Each structure stands twice: as C-alpha cells, then as structure tokens.
C-alpha cells in the first residue's frame, strides 16, 4: 500500500509536468500570435476555440472524466493565450 507521503510526491511530480506543458503551450501560442499578426489576422478565432474545447471534452469523456473541469481548465488556457498574444500585439504596434 502506498503511503500519503509517496502519493503527495507523485502528485507534485504531476503538477510540475502540468506546469511544463502549460509553458510549452504558451510558447506555441506566442508563435501562433506572431504568425497571425504578420498575416493581418485577428487575435481571437472563435471557431478554433470551439474546436479546442470540443477536442478536450471528447478526450475527457474517453478517459471517463467529467468534462466540466476540463472545459474550465481549457477556457483558462485559451484566455491566457489570448492575453499573451494581445500583449505581444500591443508591444509590436508600440501602443
């Protein structure tokens, strides 16, 4: 039987992996934002946001997870990506 300390250490490892993945996602988001700006496209893409959420819900359901938590997390990540891209747009445009 695994003890509480060991489980908490495992949980901490998973948390650090999640943070690493969020960092990776933010880096990709910055690159995407740069491409959007160069192409004259808006920061927000509602169709893509819908697709991201649908994919997340589908994957959560395959794992027998409640999708509401996953939707909340993904919406937070999308919001963060939009903020990152908008901040870069403002800096680039010198406003």
C-alpha atoms as a PDB file:
ATOM      1  CA  UNK A   1       0.000   0.000   0.000  1.00  0.00           C
ATOM      2  CA  UNK A   2       1.321   3.417  -0.954  1.00  0.00           C
ATOM      3  CA  UNK A   3       1.601   5.930   1.862  1.00  0.00           C
ATOM      4  CA  UNK A   4       0.389   9.518   1.882  1.00  0.00           C
ATOM      5  CA  UNK A   5       3.877  10.998   1.520  1.00  0.00           C
ATOM      6  CA  UNK A   6       4.608   8.943  -1.594  1.00  0.00           C
ATOM      7  CA  UNK A   7       1.272   9.836  -3.174  1.00  0.00           C
ATOM      8  CA  UNK A   8       1.831  13.520  -2.475  1.00  0.00           C
ATOM      9  CA  UNK A   9       5.280  13.336  -4.041  1.00  0.00           C
ATOM     10  CA  UNK A  10       3.749  11.724  -7.126  1.00  0.00           C
ATOM     11  CA  UNK A  11       1.096  14.439  -7.216  1.00  0.00           C
ATOM     12  CA  UNK A  12       3.788  17.117  -7.034  1.00  0.00           C
ATOM     13  CA  UNK A  13       5.602  15.479  -9.958  1.00  0.00           C
ATOM     14  CA  UNK A  14       2.388  15.533 -11.994  1.00  0.00           C
ATOM     15  CA  UNK A  15       1.827  19.195 -11.057  1.00  0.00           C
ATOM     16  CA  UNK A  16       5.318  20.092 -12.317  1.00  0.00           C
ATOM     17  CA  UNK A  17       4.639  18.245 -15.565  1.00  0.00           C
ATOM     18  CA  UNK A  18       1.403  20.203 -15.980  1.00  0.00           C
ATOM     19  CA  UNK A  19       3.304  23.475 -15.459  1.00  0.00           C
ATOM     20  CA  UNK A  20       5.909  22.406 -18.031  1.00  0.00           C
ATOM     21  CA  UNK A  21       3.137  21.644 -20.523  1.00  0.00           C
ATOM     22  CA  UNK A  22       1.457  24.999 -19.875  1.00  0.00           C
ATOM     23  CA  UNK A  23       4.799  26.690 -20.528  1.00  0.00           C
ATOM     24  CA  UNK A  24       5.120  24.746 -23.782  1.00  0.00           C
ATOM     25  CA  UNK A  25       1.561  25.752 -24.741  1.00  0.00           C
ATOM     26  CA  UNK A  26       2.301  29.422 -24.024  1.00  0.00           C
ATOM     27  CA  UNK A  27       5.434  29.285 -26.183  1.00  0.00           C
ATOM     28  CA  UNK A  28       3.425  27.843 -29.065  1.00  0.00           C
ATOM     29  CA  UNK A  29       0.742  30.462 -28.519  1.00  0.00           C
ATOM     30  CA  UNK A  30       3.338  33.242 -28.854  1.00  0.00           C
ATOM     31  CA  UNK A  31       4.486  31.797 -32.175  1.00  0.00           C
ATOM     32  CA  UNK A  32       0.890  31.480 -33.381  1.00  0.00           C
ATOM     33  CA  UNK A  33       0.225  35.092 -32.374  1.00  0.00           C
ATOM     34  CA  UNK A  34       3.238  36.253 -34.367  1.00  0.00           C
ATOM     35  CA  UNK A  35       2.008  34.421 -37.455  1.00  0.00           C
ATOM     36  CA  UNK A  36      -1.481  35.902 -37.004  1.00  0.00           C
ATOM     37  CA  UNK A  37      -0.072  39.440 -36.753  1.00  0.00           C
ATOM     38  CA  UNK A  38       2.098  39.025 -39.853  1.00  0.00           C
ATOM     39  CA  UNK A  39      -0.918  37.708 -41.767  1.00  0.00           C
ATOM     40  CA  UNK A  40      -3.127  40.556 -40.522  1.00  0.00           C
ATOM     41  CA  UNK A  41      -5.455  38.140 -38.755  1.00  0.00           C
ATOM     42  CA  UNK A  42      -7.289  38.950 -35.531  1.00  0.00           C
ATOM     43  CA  UNK A  43      -6.073  37.519 -32.246  1.00  0.00           C
ATOM     44  CA  UNK A  44      -9.371  35.806 -31.499  1.00  0.00           C
ATOM     45  CA  UNK A  45     -10.524  32.821 -33.556  1.00  0.00           C
ATOM     46  CA  UNK A  46     -13.863  31.651 -32.187  1.00  0.00           C
ATOM     47  CA  UNK A  47     -14.017  28.612 -34.475  1.00  0.00           C
ATOM     48  CA  UNK A  48     -10.614  27.397 -33.247  1.00  0.00           C
ATOM     49  CA  UNK A  49     -11.617  27.985 -29.619  1.00  0.00           C
ATOM     50  CA  UNK A  50     -14.728  25.873 -30.198  1.00  0.00           C
ATOM     51  CA  UNK A  51     -12.631  23.124 -31.775  1.00  0.00           C
ATOM     52  CA  UNK A  52     -10.158  23.142 -28.855  1.00  0.00           C
ATOM     53  CA  UNK A  53     -12.989  22.797 -26.342  1.00  0.00           C
ATOM     54  CA  UNK A  54     -14.717  20.043 -28.316  1.00  0.00           C
ATOM     55  CA  UNK A  55     -11.479  18.057 -28.622  1.00  0.00           C
ATOM     56  CA  UNK A  56     -10.834  18.463 -24.897  1.00  0.00           C
ATOM     57  CA  UNK A  57     -14.342  17.293 -23.977  1.00  0.00           C
ATOM     58  CA  UNK A  58     -14.091  14.301 -26.312  1.00  0.00           C
ATOM     59  CA  UNK A  59     -10.754  13.312 -24.807  1.00  0.00           C
ATOM     60  CA  UNK A  60     -12.010  13.779 -21.240  1.00  0.00           C
ATOM     61  CA  UNK A  61     -15.011  11.575 -21.972  1.00  0.00           C
ATOM     62  CA  UNK A  62     -12.731   8.856 -23.386  1.00  0.00           C
ATOM     63  CA  UNK A  63     -10.893   8.922 -20.053  1.00  0.00           C
ATOM     64  CA  UNK A  64     -14.214   8.764 -18.163  1.00  0.00           C
ATOM     65  CA  UNK A  65     -13.636  12.230 -16.720  1.00  0.00           C
ATOM     66  CA  UNK A  66     -16.248  14.856 -16.040  1.00  0.00           C
ATOM     67  CA  UNK A  67     -15.811  17.319 -18.911  1.00  0.00           C
ATOM     68  CA  UNK A  68     -16.854  20.402 -16.904  1.00  0.00           C
ATOM     69  CA  UNK A  69     -13.487  20.603 -15.122  1.00  0.00           C
ATOM     70  CA  UNK A  70     -11.638  20.141 -18.399  1.00  0.00           C
ATOM     71  CA  UNK A  71     -13.708  22.864 -20.068  1.00  0.00           C
ATOM     72  CA  UNK A  72     -12.872  25.230 -17.196  1.00  0.00           C
ATOM     73  CA  UNK A  73      -9.154  24.477 -17.497  1.00  0.00           C
ATOM     74  CA  UNK A  74      -9.132  24.818 -21.277  1.00  0.00           C
ATOM     75  CA  UNK A  75     -11.060  28.097 -21.159  1.00  0.00           C
ATOM     76  CA  UNK A  76      -8.487  29.428 -18.718  1.00  0.00           C
ATOM     77  CA  UNK A  77      -5.652  28.329 -21.016  1.00  0.00           C
ATOM     78  CA  UNK A  78      -7.350  29.911 -24.039  1.00  0.00           C
ATOM     79  CA  UNK A  79      -7.851  33.155 -22.105  1.00  0.00           C
ATOM     80  CA  UNK A  80      -4.196  33.142 -21.095  1.00  0.00           C
ATOM     81  CA  UNK A  81      -3.096  32.546 -24.690  1.00  0.00           C
ATOM     82  CA  UNK A  82      -5.253  35.410 -25.927  1.00  0.00           C
ATOM     83  CA  UNK A  83      -3.777  37.704 -23.264  1.00  0.00           C
ATOM     84  CA  UNK A  84      -0.254  36.678 -24.286  1.00  0.00           C
ATOM     85  CA  UNK A  85      -0.990  37.302 -27.960  1.00  0.00           C
ATOM     86  CA  UNK A  86      -2.674  40.657 -27.317  1.00  0.00           C
ATOM     87  CA  UNK A  87       0.202  41.825 -25.114  1.00  0.00           C
ATOM     88  CA  UNK A  88       2.651  40.977 -27.907  1.00  0.00           C
ATOM     89  CA  UNK A  89       0.441  42.757 -30.454  1.00  0.00           C
ATOM     90  CA  UNK A  90       0.371  45.928 -28.354  1.00  0.00           C
ATOM     91  CA  UNK A  91       4.152  45.819 -27.834  1.00  0.00           C
ATOM     92  CA  UNK A  92       4.767  45.247 -31.528  1.00  0.00           C
ATOM     93  CA  UNK A  93       2.475  48.069 -32.566  1.00  0.00           C
ATOM     94  CA  UNK A  94       4.073  50.352 -29.977  1.00  0.00           C
ATOM     95  CA  UNK A  95       0.840  51.253 -28.258  1.00  0.00           C
END
